[in-house]
Amino acid sequence: MINLVLRFGFLAWMHPPQSEDFAWYFYHAVDLAKGLGYRRATGGYTAYWPIGYPFFLSLIYRVFPQTVWVGLVTNALLSVGIVALTYLLTFRIFARKGVALAAAAFYTALPSQIEWNAVLGSEELFTILLMIFLAIFTIPPGAMRRPWVTYGSAGVVLGMACDVRPIPLLFPFMAWGIAVIWRRAQWRFYSRVLVYVLAGMAFAILPVSLRNWIAMHHFILISTNGGVNLWQGIYANRGFYWLWNPAQNPLLAAHGNEIRENAIGMNAFFHYLFHHPLNFFENGLYKIRNLYASDQNAVHYTLLAHLPHVPLSVIENWRRFDTYAYYGFMIFVLIGFFVRRNLSATAKFAIQIVLLYLFYDTVIFLAFPAWSRFRYPMMPMFALFAGSGWMGIGELFRRIKHRKNTELKGG
């Protein structure tokens, strides 16, 4: 309820015009709802941005009015589900209602997460699918009647998340590799789990790949913007990067053909990676720094979009407020990382999977330009540790108070 009040309250006050990819999602969702297909403005079919979110939104628009407000309300309701899953996952790991409530409260009140609900971004859908994946995948083995069904279902949800944003595509392989190295004796079990998850992912991704093949006559797994983003990552550590000089931008040789752009960008990236690995790693560290440095991106698309109606001084104060709130949140996260708790074997497995995904979603930005928006899907997972950190500080103060009372009585 608090989550809804905060988000709908912000929406009532701040509802900026949709721009850039947020406008793209809206107009293409409306086109899909009308049966016009997923096309560029020029009329040709596209797979440049993943179809997952506009397709999901189009399903809503087949039932409800095709307005921005319906999309914003849908995203706000998805955020309620994210809070519920944050509580569920935290309680599964720490088995304490206080920690779970604190984690849900931290996520609910984080300013930037509220502000992002004012734009039609894919973040909410992607994040709730990730959280559902984690909730299914970390079900205790004793509660699984058919493990292949559980892990396969987790794979289906992860595949759906990839249809929205392909970022987690390689996560199962990294998790499998680390698990096999860590516990070699159980490599057969982990390999079976990998097969179940990949089968589920294939089930969810195959319809998108088939659509791309039929519409565009090429094999495109999900989207064609990966090569462009990787090429941009060669030259930029944050923000959008583009040049109109053909001598400096090889993508212009594609003449707007997104399939060729993707291939050219991929080739340029791997050429750079193999010939300049140290530069790649050095710039990658700057990208990761940018991923975690501040929390201002939401203000750019909400308050800044209302210039000159919102004074620049107010916008700057909001940026500071969001960033300081984020820093405070992350302080509790860091404390939560180091709070020692007696966890069951299944709880340890669950927390390891969460940490593994946070690590994966961080290091993948060694290659892509990064800013605070791309941290959005990780924030509910960080909230787990913020809740633990909050309760850990409370327990510390109670122990100190109890010690002082004991000393006074003894004296």
Protein backbone atom coordinates (compact mmCIF):
# COMPACT_ATOMS: atom_id res chain seq x y z
CA MET A 1 0.00 0.00 0.00
CA ILE A 2 2.81 2.44 0.90
CA ASN A 3 4.51 1.54 -2.38
CA LEU A 4 1.36 2.43 -4.34
CA VAL A 5 0.82 5.67 -2.44
CA LEU A 6 4.40 6.84 -3.11
CA ARG A 7 4.37 5.90 -6.79
CA PHE A 8 0.89 7.15 -7.65
CA GLY A 9 1.54 10.28 -5.62
CA PHE A 10 4.66 10.97 -7.68
CA LEU A 11 2.80 10.22 -10.92
CA ALA A 12 0.03 12.67 -9.96
CA TRP A 13 2.67 15.37 -9.47
CA MET A 14 5.18 14.45 -12.19
CA HIS A 15 4.11 12.98 -15.52
CA PRO A 16 6.69 14.11 -18.09
CA PRO A 17 6.33 13.77 -21.87
CA GLN A 18 7.73 10.44 -23.04
CA SER A 19 10.90 10.76 -25.09
CA GLU A 20 13.68 8.65 -26.65
CA ASP A 21 13.21 4.91 -26.05
CA PHE A 22 10.23 5.52 -23.73
CA ALA A 23 8.32 7.11 -26.62
CA TRP A 24 9.49 4.28 -28.89
CA TYR A 25 8.05 1.68 -26.52
CA PHE A 26 4.70 3.50 -26.34
CA TYR A 27 4.17 4.02 -30.06
CA HIS A 28 5.33 0.53 -30.98
CA ALA A 29 3.14 -1.03 -28.28
CA VAL A 30 0.16 0.82 -29.77
CA ASP A 31 1.11 -0.41 -33.27
CA LEU A 32 1.37 -3.99 -32.03
CA ALA A 33 -2.00 -3.70 -30.29
CA LYS A 34 -3.51 -2.52 -33.59
CA GLY A 35 -1.97 -5.46 -35.46
CA LEU A 36 0.45 -3.28 -37.44
CA GLY A 37 3.54 -5.26 -36.44
CA TYR A 38 6.85 -4.20 -34.95
CA ARG A 39 8.17 -1.77 -37.56
CA ARG A 40 10.38 1.27 -37.95
CA ALA A 41 8.82 4.63 -38.73
CA THR A 42 9.94 4.09 -42.34
CA GLY A 43 7.74 0.99 -42.54
CA GLY A 44 10.27 -1.87 -42.49
CA TYR A 45 10.23 -4.52 -39.79
CA THR A 46 12.66 -4.01 -36.92
CA ALA A 47 14.34 -5.93 -34.13
CA TYR A 48 16.61 -3.08 -33.06
CA TRP A 49 15.23 -2.84 -29.55
CA PRO A 50 13.98 -6.08 -27.95
CA ILE A 51 10.30 -6.69 -28.60
CA GLY A 52 9.54 -8.02 -25.10
CA TYR A 53 8.37 -4.85 -23.37
CA PRO A 54 6.38 -3.26 -26.23
CA PHE A 55 4.72 -6.64 -26.84
CA PHE A 56 3.79 -6.93 -23.15
CA LEU A 57 2.45 -3.37 -23.19
CA SER A 58 0.49 -4.13 -26.36
CA LEU A 59 -1.34 -6.91 -24.53
CA ILE A 60 -2.45 -4.35 -21.93
CA TYR A 61 -3.50 -1.98 -24.72
CA ARG A 62 -5.70 -4.65 -26.29
CA VAL A 63 -7.84 -4.49 -23.14
CA PHE A 64 -7.41 -0.96 -21.79
CA PRO A 65 -7.18 2.48 -23.46
CA GLN A 66 -4.03 3.03 -25.50
CA THR A 67 -2.66 5.90 -23.41
CA VAL A 68 0.60 6.64 -21.67
CA TRP A 69 -1.21 6.70 -18.33
CA VAL A 70 -2.31 3.07 -18.68
CA GLY A 71 1.32 2.10 -19.25
CA LEU A 72 2.50 4.12 -16.27
CA VAL A 73 -0.11 2.54 -13.99
CA THR A 74 0.92 -0.90 -15.27
CA ASN A 75 4.56 -0.19 -14.41
CA ALA A 76 3.56 1.08 -10.95
CA LEU A 77 1.66 -2.16 -10.32
CA LEU A 78 4.69 -4.17 -11.49
CA SER A 79 6.75 -2.29 -8.89
CA VAL A 80 4.36 -3.57 -6.21
CA GLY A 81 5.16 -7.09 -7.36
CA ILE A 82 8.88 -6.31 -7.15
CA VAL A 83 8.45 -5.20 -3.53
CA ALA A 84 6.52 -8.39 -2.71
CA LEU A 85 9.22 -10.55 -4.29
CA THR A 86 11.91 -8.59 -2.43
CA TYR A 87 10.14 -9.44 0.82
CA LEU A 88 9.71 -13.11 -0.20
CA LEU A 89 13.33 -13.61 -1.22
CA THR A 90 14.68 -11.80 1.84
CA PHE A 91 12.53 -13.88 4.18
CA ARG A 92 13.59 -17.09 2.41
CA ILE A 93 17.24 -16.24 3.00
CA PHE A 94 17.21 -14.66 6.47
CA ALA A 95 14.01 -16.26 7.88
CA ARG A 96 13.20 -13.07 9.79
CA LYS A 97 10.18 -10.85 9.13
CA GLY A 98 12.02 -7.78 10.43
CA VAL A 99 14.80 -8.15 7.86
CA ALA A 100 12.30 -8.83 5.05
CA LEU A 101 10.18 -5.81 5.99
CA ALA A 102 13.25 -3.58 6.17
CA ALA A 103 14.40 -4.77 2.73
CA ALA A 104 10.97 -4.11 1.20
CA ALA A 105 10.83 -0.69 2.88
CA PHE A 106 14.28 0.27 1.62
CA TYR A 107 13.34 -0.58 -1.95
CA THR A 108 9.93 1.09 -1.67
CA ALA A 109 11.35 4.39 -0.44
CA LEU A 110 14.39 4.68 -2.72
CA PRO A 111 13.65 7.95 -4.59
CA SER A 112 14.98 7.02 -8.03
CA GLN A 113 12.99 3.78 -8.10
CA ILE A 114 9.84 5.86 -7.52
CA GLU A 115 10.79 8.39 -10.19
CA TRP A 116 11.41 5.76 -12.87
CA ASN A 117 7.70 4.87 -12.67
CA ALA A 118 6.97 8.18 -14.44
CA VAL A 119 8.39 6.91 -17.75
CA LEU A 120 7.48 3.92 -19.92
CA GLY A 121 10.74 2.05 -19.43
CA SER A 122 11.29 -1.68 -19.64
CA GLU A 123 12.96 -1.68 -16.22
CA GLU A 124 9.94 -2.75 -14.16
CA LEU A 125 9.02 -5.71 -16.38
CA PHE A 126 12.63 -6.85 -16.68
CA THR A 127 13.21 -6.53 -12.93
CA ILE A 128 10.08 -8.40 -11.87
CA LEU A 129 10.95 -11.25 -14.26
CA LEU A 130 14.46 -11.42 -12.78
CA MET A 131 13.04 -11.53 -9.26
CA ILE A 132 10.56 -14.28 -10.25
CA PHE A 133 13.46 -16.24 -11.74
CA LEU A 134 15.41 -15.94 -8.48
CA ALA A 135 12.34 -16.84 -6.41
CA ILE A 136 11.78 -20.03 -8.44
CA PHE A 137 15.43 -21.02 -8.82
CA THR A 138 16.10 -20.74 -5.07
CA ILE A 139 13.17 -22.93 -3.99
CA PRO A 140 14.62 -25.41 -1.46
CA PRO A 141 15.36 -28.78 -3.14
CA GLY A 142 13.20 -30.57 -0.56
CA ALA A 143 10.19 -28.57 -1.73
CA MET A 144 10.69 -29.53 -5.40
CA ARG A 145 8.50 -32.42 -6.51
CA ARG A 146 10.07 -32.47 -9.98
CA PRO A 147 13.35 -30.54 -10.13
CA TRP A 148 13.35 -30.44 -13.93
CA VAL A 149 9.99 -28.65 -13.86
CA THR A 150 11.22 -26.12 -11.30
CA TYR A 151 14.51 -25.34 -13.01
CA GLY A 152 12.88 -25.43 -16.44
CA SER A 153 10.24 -22.95 -15.26
CA ALA A 154 12.98 -20.70 -13.90
CA GLY A 155 14.59 -20.89 -17.34
CA VAL A 156 11.34 -19.89 -19.05
CA VAL A 157 11.09 -16.79 -16.84
CA LEU A 158 14.76 -15.92 -17.42
CA GLY A 159 14.19 -16.32 -21.16
CA MET A 160 11.23 -13.94 -20.96
CA ALA A 161 13.49 -11.47 -19.16
CA CYS A 162 15.97 -11.81 -22.04
CA ASP A 163 13.15 -11.01 -24.49
CA VAL A 164 12.85 -7.69 -22.64
CA ARG A 165 16.59 -7.12 -22.22
CA PRO A 166 19.14 -9.73 -23.40
CA ILE A 167 21.55 -8.91 -20.55
CA PRO A 168 21.11 -12.24 -18.62
CA LEU A 169 21.73 -14.48 -21.66
CA LEU A 170 25.14 -15.65 -20.46
CA PHE A 171 24.32 -15.80 -16.75
CA PRO A 172 23.50 -19.55 -16.64
CA PHE A 173 26.85 -20.38 -18.26
CA MET A 174 28.80 -18.24 -15.78
CA ALA A 175 26.87 -19.67 -12.84
CA TRP A 176 27.46 -23.23 -14.10
CA GLY A 177 31.19 -22.61 -14.62
CA ILE A 178 31.68 -21.19 -11.12
CA ALA A 179 29.58 -23.95 -9.54
CA VAL A 180 31.56 -26.69 -11.29
CA ILE A 181 34.89 -25.15 -10.28
CA TRP A 182 33.67 -24.65 -6.70
CA ARG A 183 32.19 -28.13 -6.28
CA ARG A 184 33.66 -30.46 -8.86
CA ALA A 185 32.11 -33.54 -7.31
CA GLN A 186 28.62 -32.28 -8.20
CA TRP A 187 29.34 -31.32 -11.80
CA ARG A 188 26.78 -33.80 -13.16
CA PHE A 189 24.00 -32.25 -11.06
CA TYR A 190 24.94 -28.68 -12.04
CA SER A 191 25.14 -29.73 -15.70
CA ARG A 192 21.61 -31.15 -15.52
CA VAL A 193 20.37 -27.91 -13.95
CA LEU A 194 22.07 -25.95 -16.75
CA VAL A 195 20.32 -28.08 -19.38
CA TYR A 196 16.92 -27.58 -17.69
CA VAL A 197 17.40 -23.82 -17.46
CA LEU A 198 18.65 -23.50 -21.04
CA ALA A 199 15.72 -25.57 -22.32
CA GLY A 200 13.32 -23.23 -20.54
CA MET A 201 15.10 -20.18 -21.92
CA ALA A 202 14.97 -21.59 -25.44
CA PHE A 203 11.23 -22.15 -25.06
CA ALA A 204 10.73 -18.46 -24.18
CA ILE A 205 13.19 -16.99 -26.70
CA LEU A 206 12.35 -19.19 -29.72
CA PRO A 207 9.11 -17.32 -30.62
CA VAL A 208 11.06 -14.04 -30.82
CA SER A 209 13.78 -15.64 -32.96
CA LEU A 210 11.15 -17.17 -35.27
CA ARG A 211 9.39 -13.81 -35.59
CA ASN A 212 12.69 -12.18 -36.53
CA TRP A 213 13.43 -14.90 -39.10
CA ILE A 214 9.99 -14.66 -40.71
CA ALA A 215 9.83 -10.85 -40.68
CA MET A 216 13.47 -10.01 -41.43
CA HIS A 217 14.76 -13.16 -43.17
CA HIS A 218 17.80 -13.39 -40.91
CA PHE A 219 18.61 -15.30 -37.75
CA ILE A 220 18.39 -12.71 -34.98
CA LEU A 221 18.24 -14.26 -31.52
CA ILE A 222 16.45 -11.31 -29.87
CA SER A 223 17.58 -7.88 -31.05
CA THR A 224 20.08 -6.13 -33.31
CA ASN A 225 21.25 -3.30 -31.06
CA GLY A 226 23.95 -5.35 -29.31
CA GLY A 227 26.66 -4.64 -31.88
CA VAL A 228 25.90 -0.90 -31.85
CA ASN A 229 26.12 -0.80 -28.05
CA LEU A 230 29.39 -2.73 -28.04
CA TRP A 231 30.86 -0.38 -30.65
CA GLN A 232 29.79 2.61 -28.56
CA GLY A 233 31.52 1.01 -25.57
CA ILE A 234 34.85 1.22 -27.40
CA TYR A 235 34.69 5.02 -27.37
CA ALA A 236 32.38 5.97 -24.49
CA ASN A 237 32.28 4.89 -20.86
CA ARG A 238 28.92 6.55 -20.24
CA GLY A 239 26.13 8.14 -22.21
CA PHE A 240 25.12 7.87 -25.84
CA TYR A 241 27.92 8.06 -28.42
CA TRP A 242 27.56 8.66 -32.15
CA LEU A 243 29.57 10.23 -34.98
CA TRP A 244 28.37 11.21 -38.45
CA ASN A 245 31.83 11.09 -40.02
CA PRO A 246 32.10 7.86 -42.09
CA ALA A 247 35.85 7.83 -41.53
CA GLN A 248 35.28 7.55 -37.77
CA ASN A 249 32.03 5.58 -37.65
CA PRO A 250 32.09 2.26 -39.58
CA LEU A 251 28.40 1.68 -38.77
CA LEU A 252 27.43 4.34 -41.30
CA ALA A 253 28.55 1.93 -44.04
CA ALA A 254 25.42 -0.10 -43.25
CA HIS A 255 23.24 2.78 -44.57
CA GLY A 256 20.63 2.22 -41.85
CA ASN A 257 20.46 -1.57 -42.27
CA GLU A 258 20.29 -2.65 -38.62
CA ILE A 259 21.43 -6.21 -39.33
CA ARG A 260 24.60 -4.97 -41.04
CA GLU A 261 25.08 -2.36 -38.29
CA ASN A 262 24.96 -5.12 -35.70
CA ALA A 263 27.52 -7.24 -37.56
CA ILE A 264 29.89 -4.29 -38.16
CA GLY A 265 29.64 -3.24 -34.51
CA MET A 266 30.33 -6.79 -33.28
CA ASN A 267 33.39 -7.13 -35.54
CA ALA A 268 34.75 -3.75 -34.44
CA PHE A 269 34.30 -4.63 -30.78
CA PHE A 270 36.05 -8.01 -30.96
CA HIS A 271 38.88 -6.50 -33.03
CA TYR A 272 39.35 -3.88 -30.29
CA LEU A 273 39.10 -6.50 -27.51
CA PHE A 274 41.74 -8.80 -29.00
CA HIS A 275 44.15 -6.03 -29.99
CA HIS A 276 43.73 -3.73 -26.97
CA PRO A 277 42.75 -5.94 -24.01
CA LEU A 278 44.38 -3.68 -21.39
CA ASN A 279 42.57 -0.61 -22.72
CA PHE A 280 39.34 -2.58 -22.74
CA PHE A 281 39.78 -3.54 -19.10
CA GLU A 282 40.86 -0.05 -18.01
CA ASN A 283 37.90 1.60 -19.73
CA GLY A 284 35.66 -1.16 -18.38
CA LEU A 285 36.56 -0.19 -14.84
CA TYR A 286 35.54 3.40 -15.61
CA LYS A 287 32.23 2.08 -16.95
CA ILE A 288 31.60 0.15 -13.73
CA ARG A 289 32.48 3.24 -11.72
CA ASN A 290 29.89 5.18 -13.74
CA LEU A 291 27.36 2.42 -13.07
CA TYR A 292 27.62 2.99 -9.31
CA ALA A 293 28.85 6.61 -9.06
CA SER A 294 25.55 8.45 -8.60
CA ASP A 295 21.78 8.22 -8.95
CA GLN A 296 20.79 11.13 -11.20
CA ASN A 297 19.49 9.52 -14.38
CA ALA A 298 15.84 9.35 -13.29
CA VAL A 299 15.80 13.11 -12.69
CA HIS A 300 16.95 13.66 -16.28
CA TYR A 301 13.85 11.99 -17.70
CA THR A 302 11.35 13.38 -15.18
CA LEU A 303 12.05 16.81 -13.69
CA LEU A 304 14.51 17.93 -16.37
CA ALA A 305 11.94 17.08 -19.04
CA HIS A 306 9.71 19.79 -17.51
CA LEU A 307 12.15 22.66 -18.01
CA PRO A 308 11.48 25.61 -17.78
CA HIS A 309 8.43 24.82 -15.65
CA VAL A 310 10.71 23.27 -13.00
CA PRO A 311 13.61 25.62 -12.10
CA LEU A 312 17.12 24.30 -12.71
CA SER A 313 17.98 24.86 -9.03
CA VAL A 314 15.17 22.50 -8.01
CA ILE A 315 16.42 19.91 -10.49
CA GLU A 316 19.95 20.11 -9.08
CA ASN A 317 18.61 19.69 -5.53
CA TRP A 318 16.65 16.61 -6.62
CA ARG A 319 19.79 15.15 -8.18
CA ARG A 320 21.67 15.62 -4.93
CA PHE A 321 18.78 14.23 -2.90
CA ASP A 322 18.53 11.10 -5.07
CA THR A 323 22.28 10.52 -4.96
CA TYR A 324 22.60 11.04 -1.20
CA ALA A 325 19.63 8.73 -0.59
CA TYR A 326 21.31 6.15 -2.82
CA TYR A 327 24.59 6.51 -0.90
CA GLY A 328 22.73 5.99 2.38
CA PHE A 329 21.02 2.93 0.94
CA MET A 330 24.34 1.46 -0.21
CA ILE A 331 25.92 2.05 3.23
CA PHE A 332 23.32 -0.29 4.70
CA VAL A 333 23.95 -2.71 1.81
CA LEU A 334 27.67 -2.80 2.62
CA ILE A 335 26.95 -3.34 6.30
CA GLY A 336 24.55 -6.13 5.35
CA PHE A 337 27.30 -7.84 3.34
CA PHE A 338 29.35 -8.23 6.52
CA VAL A 339 26.63 -9.05 9.05
CA ARG A 340 27.20 -12.62 10.20
CA ARG A 341 24.08 -14.76 10.40
CA ASN A 342 23.48 -18.45 10.88
CA LEU A 343 21.92 -19.47 7.58
CA SER A 344 20.66 -22.85 6.43
CA ALA A 345 22.28 -24.57 3.46
CA THR A 346 19.37 -23.60 1.19
CA ALA A 347 19.55 -19.98 2.40
CA LYS A 348 23.30 -19.90 1.69
CA PHE A 349 22.63 -21.22 -1.82
CA ALA A 350 19.98 -18.53 -2.40
CA ILE A 351 22.23 -15.72 -1.22
CA GLN A 352 25.08 -17.04 -3.37
CA ILE A 353 22.84 -16.97 -6.46
CA VAL A 354 21.81 -13.38 -5.70
CA LEU A 355 25.44 -12.33 -5.19
CA LEU A 356 26.43 -14.16 -8.36
CA TYR A 357 23.85 -12.31 -10.41
CA LEU A 358 24.92 -8.96 -8.93
CA PHE A 359 28.49 -9.78 -9.89
CA TYR A 360 27.45 -10.85 -13.39
CA ASP A 361 25.30 -7.78 -14.03
CA THR A 362 28.20 -5.60 -12.90
CA VAL A 363 31.06 -7.12 -14.88
CA ILE A 364 29.01 -7.26 -18.09
CA PHE A 365 29.30 -3.48 -18.13
CA LEU A 366 33.00 -3.78 -18.76
CA ALA A 367 31.85 -3.71 -22.38
CA PHE A 368 28.85 -1.35 -22.47
CA PRO A 369 28.54 2.37 -21.69
CA ALA A 370 27.02 2.56 -18.20
CA TRP A 371 25.05 4.98 -16.09
CA SER A 372 22.69 4.72 -13.13
CA ARG A 373 19.63 3.61 -15.11
CA PHE A 374 21.25 0.24 -15.82
CA ARG A 375 21.58 -0.40 -12.10
CA TYR A 376 17.77 -0.41 -11.66
CA PRO A 377 17.25 -4.22 -11.94
CA MET A 378 19.88 -4.86 -9.28
CA MET A 379 18.40 -2.60 -6.62
CA PRO A 380 15.84 -5.10 -5.20
CA MET A 381 18.71 -7.58 -4.78
CA PHE A 382 20.81 -4.97 -3.03
CA ALA A 383 17.77 -4.24 -0.85
CA LEU A 384 18.05 -7.76 0.62
CA PHE A 385 21.38 -6.79 2.14
CA ALA A 386 20.20 -3.29 3.09
CA GLY A 387 17.47 -4.93 5.21
CA SER A 388 20.05 -7.18 6.85
CA GLY A 389 22.33 -4.20 7.46
CA TRP A 390 19.54 -2.18 9.08
CA MET A 391 18.63 -5.03 11.43
CA GLY A 392 22.31 -5.69 12.11
CA ILE A 393 22.84 -2.10 13.28
CA GLY A 394 19.74 -2.34 15.47
CA GLU A 395 21.03 -5.54 17.05
CA LEU A 396 24.42 -3.93 17.64
CA PHE A 397 22.87 -0.97 19.47
CA ARG A 398 20.72 -3.33 21.57
CA ARG A 399 23.80 -5.33 22.55
CA ILE A 400 25.67 -2.15 23.51
CA LYS A 401 22.69 -0.95 25.54
CA HIS A 402 22.35 -4.32 27.23
CA ARG A 403 26.07 -4.34 28.07
CA LYS A 404 25.87 -0.88 29.62
CA ASN A 405 22.81 -1.85 31.68
CA THR A 406 24.60 -4.98 32.88
CA GLU A 407 27.68 -2.95 33.87
CA LEU A 408 25.54 -0.44 35.74
CA LYS A 409 23.76 -3.20 37.63
CA GLY A 410 27.06 -4.89 38.40
CA GLY A 411 28.54 -1.60 39.60
